[in-house]
């Protein structure tokens, strides 16, 4: 079972440290926090992935933190989905 959740609706001012503190104050052992940055802008995109210690009940994490206020925003906490392999390569016009 996965120990990772997707956290959406993050304010731009959120940091990995603030997000770690939020979940640890809720009673969960956090092993990694990754705020996703824009490829071109290198600025936060408003979501993150948080990984918890083995044995953490992720469903309980979701139930207790989804919709909670974090730095003035209501968090959207969901199970993390595995990254799907993308097809493609360089853009090729259809004409």
Protein backbone atom coordinates (compact mmCIF):
# COMPACT_ATOMS: atom_id res chain seq x y z
CA UNK A 1 0.00 0.00 0.00
CA UNK A 2 1.24 3.48 -0.87
CA UNK A 3 2.38 5.83 1.85
CA UNK A 4 2.18 8.91 -0.37
CA UNK A 5 -0.56 11.52 -0.75
CA UNK A 6 -1.23 14.32 -3.22
CA UNK A 7 -1.80 17.69 -1.56
CA UNK A 8 -3.49 20.30 -3.72
CA UNK A 9 -4.63 23.91 -3.34
CA UNK A 10 -1.38 24.98 -1.69
CA UNK A 11 -0.72 28.70 -1.37
CA UNK A 12 2.29 29.93 -3.34
CA UNK A 13 4.01 30.90 -0.06
CA UNK A 14 3.94 27.29 1.23
CA UNK A 15 7.31 25.67 1.88
CA UNK A 16 8.33 22.09 2.41
CA UNK A 17 9.07 22.88 6.06
CA UNK A 18 5.62 24.40 6.67
CA UNK A 19 3.90 21.44 5.01
CA UNK A 20 6.00 18.94 7.00
CA UNK A 21 5.10 20.76 10.24
CA UNK A 22 1.39 20.71 9.34
CA UNK A 23 1.31 16.92 8.95
CA UNK A 24 3.63 16.23 11.89
CA UNK A 25 1.48 18.42 14.18
CA UNK A 26 -1.46 16.28 13.02
CA UNK A 27 0.40 13.26 14.40
CA UNK A 28 1.96 11.72 11.28
CA UNK A 29 5.60 10.79 10.68
CA UNK A 30 6.64 12.46 7.42
CA UNK A 31 9.61 11.07 5.48
CA UNK A 32 9.53 13.35 2.41
CA UNK A 33 7.80 16.48 1.14
CA UNK A 34 8.07 17.47 -2.50
CA UNK A 35 6.46 20.72 -3.64
CA UNK A 36 6.20 20.61 -7.43
CA UNK A 37 7.79 23.51 -9.30
CA UNK A 38 7.03 24.75 -12.81
CA UNK A 39 9.58 23.60 -15.36
CA UNK A 40 10.08 27.03 -16.92
CA UNK A 41 9.28 29.34 -14.00
CA UNK A 42 10.82 27.32 -11.15
CA UNK A 43 7.92 28.56 -9.00
CA UNK A 44 5.52 26.39 -6.96
CA UNK A 45 2.60 25.05 -9.00
CA UNK A 46 0.24 24.80 -6.03
CA UNK A 47 0.53 21.11 -5.22
CA UNK A 48 2.87 18.68 -3.50
CA UNK A 49 3.43 15.03 -2.66
CA UNK A 50 3.96 13.98 0.95
CA UNK A 51 5.37 10.57 1.88
CA UNK A 52 4.81 9.05 5.30
CA UNK A 53 6.63 6.39 7.33
CA UNK A 54 5.84 2.76 6.53
CA UNK A 55 2.73 1.54 8.28
CA UNK A 56 0.98 4.92 8.21
CA UNK A 57 -2.72 4.62 7.46
CA UNK A 58 -2.93 6.95 4.45
CA UNK A 59 -6.73 6.79 4.43
CA UNK A 60 -6.71 8.15 7.99
CA UNK A 61 -4.30 10.92 6.94
CA UNK A 62 -6.65 11.88 4.10
CA UNK A 63 -9.76 11.83 6.29
CA UNK A 64 -8.17 13.98 9.00
CA UNK A 65 -6.45 16.59 6.80
CA UNK A 66 -8.54 16.94 3.62
CA UNK A 67 -10.35 20.28 3.72
CA UNK A 68 -8.29 21.58 6.63
CA UNK A 69 -7.05 25.17 6.56
CA UNK A 70 -3.36 25.59 5.76
CA UNK A 71 -1.92 29.11 5.46
CA UNK A 72 -5.36 30.43 4.53
CA UNK A 73 -6.17 27.75 1.91
CA UNK A 74 -8.39 24.69 2.19
CA UNK A 75 -6.20 21.66 1.40
CA UNK A 76 -7.24 18.97 -1.06
CA UNK A 77 -5.59 15.74 0.15
CA UNK A 78 -6.00 12.60 -1.98
CA UNK A 79 -4.19 9.31 -2.55
CA UNK A 80 -1.20 9.79 -4.84
CA UNK A 81 -1.53 8.04 -8.18
CA UNK A 82 1.47 6.40 -9.85
CA UNK A 83 3.08 8.46 -12.58
CA UNK A 84 1.80 7.31 -15.96
CA UNK A 85 4.30 6.84 -18.74
CA UNK A 86 3.87 9.52 -21.34
CA UNK A 87 4.23 8.95 -25.05
CA UNK A 88 5.70 11.47 -27.32
CA UNK A 89 8.77 13.46 -27.79
CA UNK A 90 9.31 16.67 -29.63
CA UNK A 91 6.19 18.44 -30.87
CA UNK A 92 5.45 17.65 -34.51
CA UNK A 93 2.94 19.80 -36.41
CA UNK A 94 0.05 17.94 -38.04
CA UNK A 95 0.48 19.66 -41.41
